[in-house]
Amino acid sequence: MLRLTSISMAAILLGGVASAAQFQLGGFNGLNNSYIAASNGGSLPVGFAQKGYQNYLFLNAQNSGVLPTPGSLPFTSTGGLPPKDQLADPSNVSFNMIGNSTYGLGNLSVNDWQATGGTGSSIQVGVNRQYVTSAYTMLNNEFGGLGAIDTSVAFYFGASAGATTGLTEVLVNLTNNNGTAGNGQIRSVFNCVSGVVVPGCSTGTLAPSSTLSALINGTTTDTVTVTTNNIYSFAYTSLALGSGTGNVQLDDQGFDFSHLYQDGTLNSSQYLVNMVITELGSGSSTATTPSQTALSAITVFTAPEPTTILLFLSGLGVIGFKRFRRQ
């Protein structure tokens, strides 16, 4: 019969407390209009607009008349009104998709925020979480150049939630996949195989892990590790642009801040106040429209509060002392 001592049980509990918690930004409804407006001083950003997967990002992709609907997506329904979907990557990072999503041709689908204003367009997303160890974005590109740097992600850390002064900026530029395997941190939503070719489409895969330069407050350089995962792929046989075969794909990027804490660039008491995603590119050489970065969702991971860890360590010490006295 399996027996757990007081010491082993406490260790299990401590391990549970010490594990990171994940928070989907925007909560149940994801990055909807209300959340983004609140993150931008009460108004919606200029240069980024809510768009839909089917009618915009996927360019009406179909497979012999079948649309990429929730039935063919690896979404887990979480119920509620309006219908709500959650998407998880292979490493069990969960994303709350925009709550007013609909699907299909002719529907006013709202699934992501796309850059519509060209170079310099940006969207700010409030976080206001303390002890953030990593952040995950669902980002793809449309019409961007192969191997180009079309997207930047900036993280702003401060002494308190909602801080506007004394912020530490951590700026990371993402490189588009160049059409080869294991390259880049972001790629086109299209993998074109035959027939019509979407400008900027990529047949390559992303680098599973990259150590990227991070510009701190615009002056010094540090490093951030960025991991990637493919979350979703749908094979198509036609697009709004014409007949062709390939896949539409959605990916995520994980930004690990551990090195920044270790070398003192960040301190453990700081809050991740907000994030800013900026469109840098002007489009691929064959595109008639500018590069369009597309943001679907963001999830952040936080470490447990130091007081929580100390509380459990104190409890562990008391249990150990009592066990010692009984022997």
Protein backbone atom coordinates (compact mmCIF):
# COMPACT_ATOMS: atom_id res chain seq x y z
CA MET A 1 0.00 0.00 0.00
CA LEU A 2 1.30 3.46 -0.93
CA ARG A 3 2.03 5.64 2.09
CA LEU A 4 2.78 9.36 2.01
CA THR A 5 4.72 10.83 4.93
CA SER A 6 4.02 14.33 6.15
CA ILE A 7 7.29 15.46 4.57
CA SER A 8 6.47 14.02 1.13
CA MET A 9 2.94 15.43 1.20
CA ALA A 10 4.26 18.88 2.06
CA ALA A 11 6.77 18.62 -0.77
CA ILE A 12 3.97 17.78 -3.19
CA LEU A 13 1.93 20.74 -1.97
CA LEU A 14 4.94 23.02 -2.22
CA GLY A 15 5.59 21.85 -5.75
CA GLY A 16 2.00 22.67 -6.66
CA VAL A 17 2.27 26.15 -5.21
CA ALA A 18 5.65 26.77 -6.88
CA SER A 19 4.33 25.96 -10.33
CA ALA A 20 3.57 28.89 -12.62
CA ALA A 21 0.01 30.05 -13.21
CA GLN A 22 -1.19 31.18 -16.62
CA PHE A 23 -3.52 34.10 -17.27
CA GLN A 24 -5.33 34.66 -20.55
CA LEU A 25 -5.43 38.40 -21.23
CA GLY A 26 -8.94 39.74 -21.55
CA GLY A 27 -10.25 36.89 -19.43
CA PHE A 28 -13.18 34.89 -20.72
CA ASN A 29 -13.72 37.05 -23.81
CA GLY A 30 -10.08 37.45 -24.84
CA LEU A 31 -8.82 40.57 -26.61
CA ASN A 32 -12.22 41.99 -27.48
CA ASN A 33 -13.03 45.64 -28.20
CA SER A 34 -13.70 46.51 -24.56
CA TYR A 35 -10.40 45.11 -23.31
CA ILE A 36 -8.30 46.72 -26.03
CA ALA A 37 -10.07 50.08 -25.61
CA ALA A 38 -9.38 49.97 -21.86
CA SER A 39 -5.73 49.19 -22.66
CA ASN A 40 -5.51 52.25 -24.93
CA GLY A 41 -6.92 54.99 -22.74
CA GLY A 42 -10.55 54.35 -23.63
CA SER A 43 -10.23 54.39 -27.43
CA LEU A 44 -9.38 51.76 -30.01
CA PRO A 45 -5.90 51.80 -31.58
CA VAL A 46 -5.24 53.55 -34.88
CA GLY A 47 -3.64 51.30 -37.46
CA PHE A 48 -4.88 47.98 -36.02
CA ALA A 49 -8.45 46.78 -36.56
CA GLN A 50 -10.50 43.76 -35.57
CA LYS A 51 -10.71 41.32 -38.45
CA GLY A 52 -11.96 37.79 -39.02
CA TYR A 53 -10.06 34.66 -39.88
CA GLN A 54 -12.29 33.47 -42.69
CA ASN A 55 -13.13 36.67 -44.55
CA TYR A 56 -9.79 38.43 -44.04
CA LEU A 57 -6.80 36.57 -42.62
CA PHE A 58 -7.60 33.26 -44.37
CA LEU A 59 -8.77 34.98 -47.60
CA ASN A 60 -11.88 32.76 -47.73
CA ALA A 61 -9.88 29.54 -47.71
CA GLN A 62 -11.95 26.45 -48.50
CA ASN A 63 -11.33 22.78 -49.00
CA SER A 64 -13.77 21.59 -51.67
CA GLY A 65 -16.40 23.89 -50.22
CA VAL A 66 -15.61 23.08 -46.59
CA LEU A 67 -14.71 26.10 -44.45
CA PRO A 68 -12.29 26.12 -41.51
CA THR A 69 -15.08 26.08 -38.91
CA PRO A 70 -14.90 25.27 -35.18
CA GLY A 71 -15.66 21.65 -36.05
CA SER A 72 -12.35 21.37 -37.87
CA LEU A 73 -10.40 23.59 -35.48
CA PRO A 74 -8.78 22.17 -32.33
CA PHE A 75 -10.89 24.50 -30.20
CA THR A 76 -12.34 23.50 -26.84
CA SER A 77 -15.69 25.11 -26.23
CA THR A 78 -15.98 26.68 -22.78
CA GLY A 79 -19.62 27.62 -23.15
CA GLY A 80 -21.17 30.95 -22.33
CA LEU A 81 -22.80 33.65 -24.41
CA PRO A 82 -21.60 34.53 -26.94
CA PRO A 83 -20.04 31.17 -27.84
CA LYS A 84 -16.51 31.06 -26.46
CA ASP A 85 -13.50 29.11 -27.68
CA GLN A 86 -10.16 28.28 -26.12
CA LEU A 87 -7.13 27.08 -28.05
CA ALA A 88 -4.12 25.27 -26.53
CA ASP A 89 -0.70 24.68 -28.04
CA PRO A 90 1.29 21.41 -27.73
CA SER A 91 2.97 22.65 -24.53
CA ASN A 92 -0.46 23.24 -22.91
CA VAL A 93 -0.40 27.02 -23.13
CA SER A 94 -4.06 28.02 -23.41
CA PHE A 95 -5.39 31.05 -25.28
CA ASN A 96 -8.83 32.60 -24.89
CA MET A 97 -10.04 33.57 -28.33
CA ILE A 98 -12.03 36.75 -28.90
CA GLY A 99 -15.46 36.22 -27.35
CA ASN A 100 -17.63 37.58 -30.17
CA SER A 101 -16.17 35.21 -32.79
CA THR A 102 -18.30 33.81 -35.61
CA TYR A 103 -17.22 31.76 -38.59
CA GLY A 104 -18.07 31.23 -42.22
CA LEU A 105 -18.46 33.23 -45.40
CA GLY A 106 -20.71 36.26 -45.02
CA ASN A 107 -20.49 36.29 -41.23
CA LEU A 108 -19.02 39.28 -39.41
CA SER A 109 -16.27 37.10 -38.02
CA VAL A 110 -14.07 38.74 -35.38
CA ASN A 111 -11.04 36.67 -34.46
CA ASP A 112 -7.91 38.83 -34.47
CA TRP A 113 -6.39 42.31 -34.64
CA GLN A 114 -4.65 43.07 -37.92
CA ALA A 115 -2.32 45.92 -38.84
CA THR A 116 -4.14 48.05 -41.40
CA GLY A 117 -2.17 51.28 -41.24
CA GLY A 118 1.18 50.16 -42.62
CA THR A 119 4.60 50.76 -41.11
CA GLY A 120 4.53 52.01 -37.52
CA SER A 121 1.00 50.84 -36.71
CA SER A 122 0.80 49.50 -33.15
CA ILE A 123 -1.59 48.01 -30.63
CA GLN A 124 -1.17 48.25 -26.85
CA VAL A 125 -2.44 45.44 -24.62
CA GLY A 126 -2.70 45.91 -20.85
CA VAL A 127 -1.30 43.16 -18.61
CA ASN A 128 -0.75 44.55 -15.07
CA ARG A 129 0.52 41.30 -13.56
CA GLN A 130 3.34 40.91 -11.06
CA TYR A 131 6.00 38.16 -11.12
CA VAL A 132 5.55 37.52 -14.87
CA THR A 133 8.11 34.92 -15.99
CA SER A 134 7.02 34.52 -19.62
CA ALA A 135 4.49 35.79 -22.14
CA TYR A 136 2.94 33.98 -25.12
CA THR A 137 1.52 35.66 -28.19
CA MET A 138 -0.53 34.23 -31.05
CA LEU A 139 1.03 36.15 -33.96
CA ASN A 140 1.15 35.55 -37.70
CA ASN A 141 1.86 37.71 -40.72
CA GLU A 142 0.11 38.36 -44.01
CA PHE A 143 1.89 39.78 -47.09
CA GLY A 144 5.20 40.15 -45.22
CA GLY A 145 8.57 39.59 -46.87
CA LEU A 146 10.38 36.27 -46.47
CA GLY A 147 13.15 36.65 -43.90
CA ALA A 148 12.13 40.25 -43.18
CA ILE A 149 11.66 41.84 -39.77
CA ASP A 150 8.05 43.05 -39.93
CA THR A 151 6.95 42.71 -36.30
CA SER A 152 8.23 43.93 -32.93
CA VAL A 153 6.94 43.11 -29.46
CA ALA A 154 7.72 45.52 -26.60
CA PHE A 155 7.19 44.69 -22.92
CA TYR A 156 6.92 47.47 -20.32
CA PHE A 157 7.73 46.63 -16.70
CA GLY A 158 7.01 49.02 -13.83
CA ALA A 159 6.84 49.33 -10.07
CA SER A 160 3.05 49.02 -9.92
CA ALA A 161 0.02 48.04 -11.95
CA GLY A 162 -0.92 50.84 -14.32
CA ALA A 163 2.43 52.61 -13.92
CA THR A 164 3.15 55.22 -16.59
CA THR A 165 6.58 56.46 -15.48
CA GLY A 166 9.83 54.74 -14.62
CA LEU A 167 9.08 51.86 -16.97
CA THR A 168 11.65 49.38 -18.23
CA GLU A 169 11.14 48.70 -21.95
CA VAL A 170 12.18 45.32 -23.36
CA LEU A 171 11.94 45.41 -27.17
CA VAL A 172 12.21 42.24 -29.28
CA ASN A 173 12.10 42.10 -33.09
CA LEU A 174 10.70 38.97 -34.71
CA THR A 175 12.06 37.63 -38.01
CA ASN A 176 9.72 36.21 -40.64
CA ASN A 177 10.37 32.64 -41.73
CA ASN A 178 12.44 32.72 -44.93
CA GLY A 179 10.84 29.69 -46.56
CA THR A 180 13.16 27.09 -45.05
CA ALA A 181 12.81 24.69 -42.13
CA GLY A 182 13.55 25.84 -38.60
CA ASN A 183 13.84 29.54 -39.32
CA GLY A 184 12.29 32.68 -37.82
CA GLN A 185 9.80 33.30 -35.01
CA ILE A 186 6.78 34.40 -37.05
CA ARG A 187 5.49 33.44 -40.49
CA SER A 188 2.78 33.99 -43.01
CA VAL A 189 -0.59 32.50 -42.24
CA PHE A 190 -0.27 30.83 -45.68
CA ASN A 191 1.81 27.83 -46.71
CA CYS A 192 1.30 27.79 -50.49
CA VAL A 193 1.89 24.48 -52.27
CA SER A 194 0.53 24.90 -55.80
CA GLY A 195 -1.62 27.20 -57.91
CA VAL A 196 -2.27 30.74 -56.75
CA VAL A 197 0.48 32.10 -54.51
CA VAL A 198 -0.33 34.55 -51.72
CA PRO A 199 2.38 37.24 -51.55
CA GLY A 200 4.79 36.48 -48.72
CA CYS A 201 3.52 32.92 -48.16
CA SER A 202 6.03 30.59 -46.52
CA THR A 203 6.58 26.87 -46.98
CA GLY A 204 9.03 26.69 -44.07
CA THR A 205 8.72 25.93 -40.37
CA LEU A 206 9.61 28.18 -37.45
CA ALA A 207 12.67 27.80 -35.25
CA PRO A 208 11.54 25.87 -32.14
CA SER A 209 13.73 28.08 -29.95
CA SER A 210 15.79 31.23 -30.59
CA THR A 211 17.92 33.48 -28.41
CA LEU A 212 17.12 36.99 -29.61
CA SER A 213 18.59 40.37 -28.83
CA ALA A 214 16.40 42.50 -26.58
CA LEU A 215 16.86 46.26 -26.56
CA ILE A 216 16.48 47.64 -23.04
CA ASN A 217 15.16 51.22 -22.83
CA GLY A 218 16.47 51.85 -26.33
CA THR A 219 20.11 51.79 -25.26
CA THR A 220 21.51 48.51 -23.88
CA THR A 221 21.21 45.01 -25.29
CA ASP A 222 20.23 41.84 -23.45
CA THR A 223 18.73 38.53 -24.61
CA VAL A 224 15.34 36.83 -24.50
CA THR A 225 14.62 33.22 -25.46
CA VAL A 226 11.68 32.86 -27.85
CA THR A 227 10.01 29.49 -28.45
CA THR A 228 7.39 28.72 -31.09
CA ASN A 229 4.60 26.22 -31.68
CA ASN A 230 2.19 25.57 -34.52
CA ILE A 231 -1.34 25.56 -33.08
CA TYR A 232 -3.57 25.04 -36.08
CA SER A 233 -3.37 24.03 -39.75
CA PHE A 234 -6.13 23.71 -42.34
CA ALA A 235 -5.60 22.37 -45.88
CA TYR A 236 -7.28 24.46 -48.58
CA THR A 237 -8.04 23.91 -52.26
CA SER A 238 -9.19 27.43 -53.11
CA LEU A 239 -8.88 31.03 -51.92
CA ALA A 240 -10.48 34.34 -52.76
CA LEU A 241 -7.46 34.89 -55.02
CA GLY A 242 -8.13 31.75 -57.07
CA SER A 243 -7.55 28.00 -57.16
CA GLY A 244 -4.58 26.53 -55.36
CA THR A 245 -3.53 24.16 -52.63
CA GLY A 246 -1.73 24.71 -49.36
CA ASN A 247 -2.45 25.33 -45.71
CA VAL A 248 -3.52 28.18 -43.49
CA GLN A 249 -1.67 28.07 -40.18
CA LEU A 250 -1.70 29.74 -36.76
CA ASP A 251 1.35 29.84 -34.46
CA ASP A 252 2.39 31.12 -31.06
CA GLN A 253 5.57 32.63 -29.64
CA GLY A 254 6.76 32.29 -26.04
CA PHE A 255 9.02 35.00 -24.56
CA ASP A 256 11.07 33.79 -21.57
CA PHE A 257 12.26 36.58 -19.23
CA SER A 258 14.38 34.43 -16.88
CA HIS A 259 17.70 35.76 -18.19
CA LEU A 260 16.54 39.35 -17.61
CA TYR A 261 15.79 38.56 -13.97
CA GLN A 262 19.05 36.67 -13.49
CA ASP A 263 21.25 39.53 -14.71
CA GLY A 264 19.31 42.23 -12.85
CA THR A 265 17.71 43.93 -15.85
CA LEU A 266 14.36 43.19 -14.20
CA ASN A 267 13.58 42.66 -10.53
CA SER A 268 11.06 40.21 -9.15
CA SER A 269 8.80 42.89 -7.63
CA GLN A 270 8.07 44.58 -10.97
CA TYR A 271 4.77 44.32 -12.84
CA LEU A 272 4.46 43.65 -16.55
CA VAL A 273 2.28 46.72 -17.15
CA ASN A 274 1.55 46.38 -20.85
CA MET A 275 2.73 45.04 -24.21
CA VAL A 276 2.89 46.82 -27.56
CA ILE A 277 2.90 44.99 -30.90
CA THR A 278 4.12 47.11 -33.81
CA GLU A 279 3.99 46.56 -37.57
CA LEU A 280 7.39 47.39 -39.04
CA GLY A 281 7.18 46.15 -42.61
CA SER A 282 5.98 47.57 -45.87
CA GLY A 283 5.10 44.21 -47.44
CA SER A 284 6.74 41.58 -49.64
CA SER A 285 8.13 42.50 -53.04
CA THR A 286 5.09 40.90 -54.72
CA ALA A 287 2.42 42.28 -52.40
CA THR A 288 0.09 45.08 -53.46
CA THR A 289 -0.81 45.77 -49.81
CA PRO A 290 1.47 46.43 -46.81
CA SER A 291 2.63 43.71 -44.47
CA GLN A 292 -0.08 42.93 -41.90
CA THR A 293 0.81 41.54 -38.50
CA ALA A 294 -2.13 39.66 -36.96
CA LEU A 295 -2.60 39.23 -33.19
CA SER A 296 -5.17 36.70 -31.94
CA ALA A 297 -4.51 36.25 -28.21
CA ILE A 298 -1.97 36.64 -25.39
CA THR A 299 -1.31 34.52 -22.29
CA VAL A 300 1.18 35.30 -19.52
CA PHE A 301 2.73 33.05 -16.88
CA THR A 302 3.43 34.22 -13.34
CA ALA A 303 5.51 32.75 -10.55
CA PRO A 304 3.91 32.37 -7.10
CA GLU A 305 4.26 35.31 -4.74
CA PRO A 306 7.34 35.06 -2.47
CA THR A 307 5.11 35.25 0.63
CA THR A 308 3.22 32.18 -0.56
CA ILE A 309 6.44 30.22 -0.99
CA LEU A 310 7.71 31.36 2.42
CA LEU A 311 4.43 30.31 4.03
CA PHE A 312 4.72 26.80 2.64
CA LEU A 313 8.40 26.59 3.51
CA SER A 314 7.53 27.60 7.07
CA GLY A 315 4.85 24.94 7.18
CA LEU A 316 7.30 22.38 5.85
CA GLY A 317 9.76 23.34 8.60
CA VAL A 318 7.11 22.94 11.33
CA ILE A 319 6.11 19.52 10.00
CA GLY A 320 9.75 18.44 9.87
CA PHE A 321 10.40 19.67 13.43
CA LYS A 322 7.39 17.82 14.83
CA ARG A 323 8.39 14.64 13.00
CA PHE A 324 11.91 15.01 14.41
CA ARG A 325 10.59 15.35 17.99
CA ARG A 326 8.51 12.18 17.64
CA GLN A 327 11.56 10.13 16.72
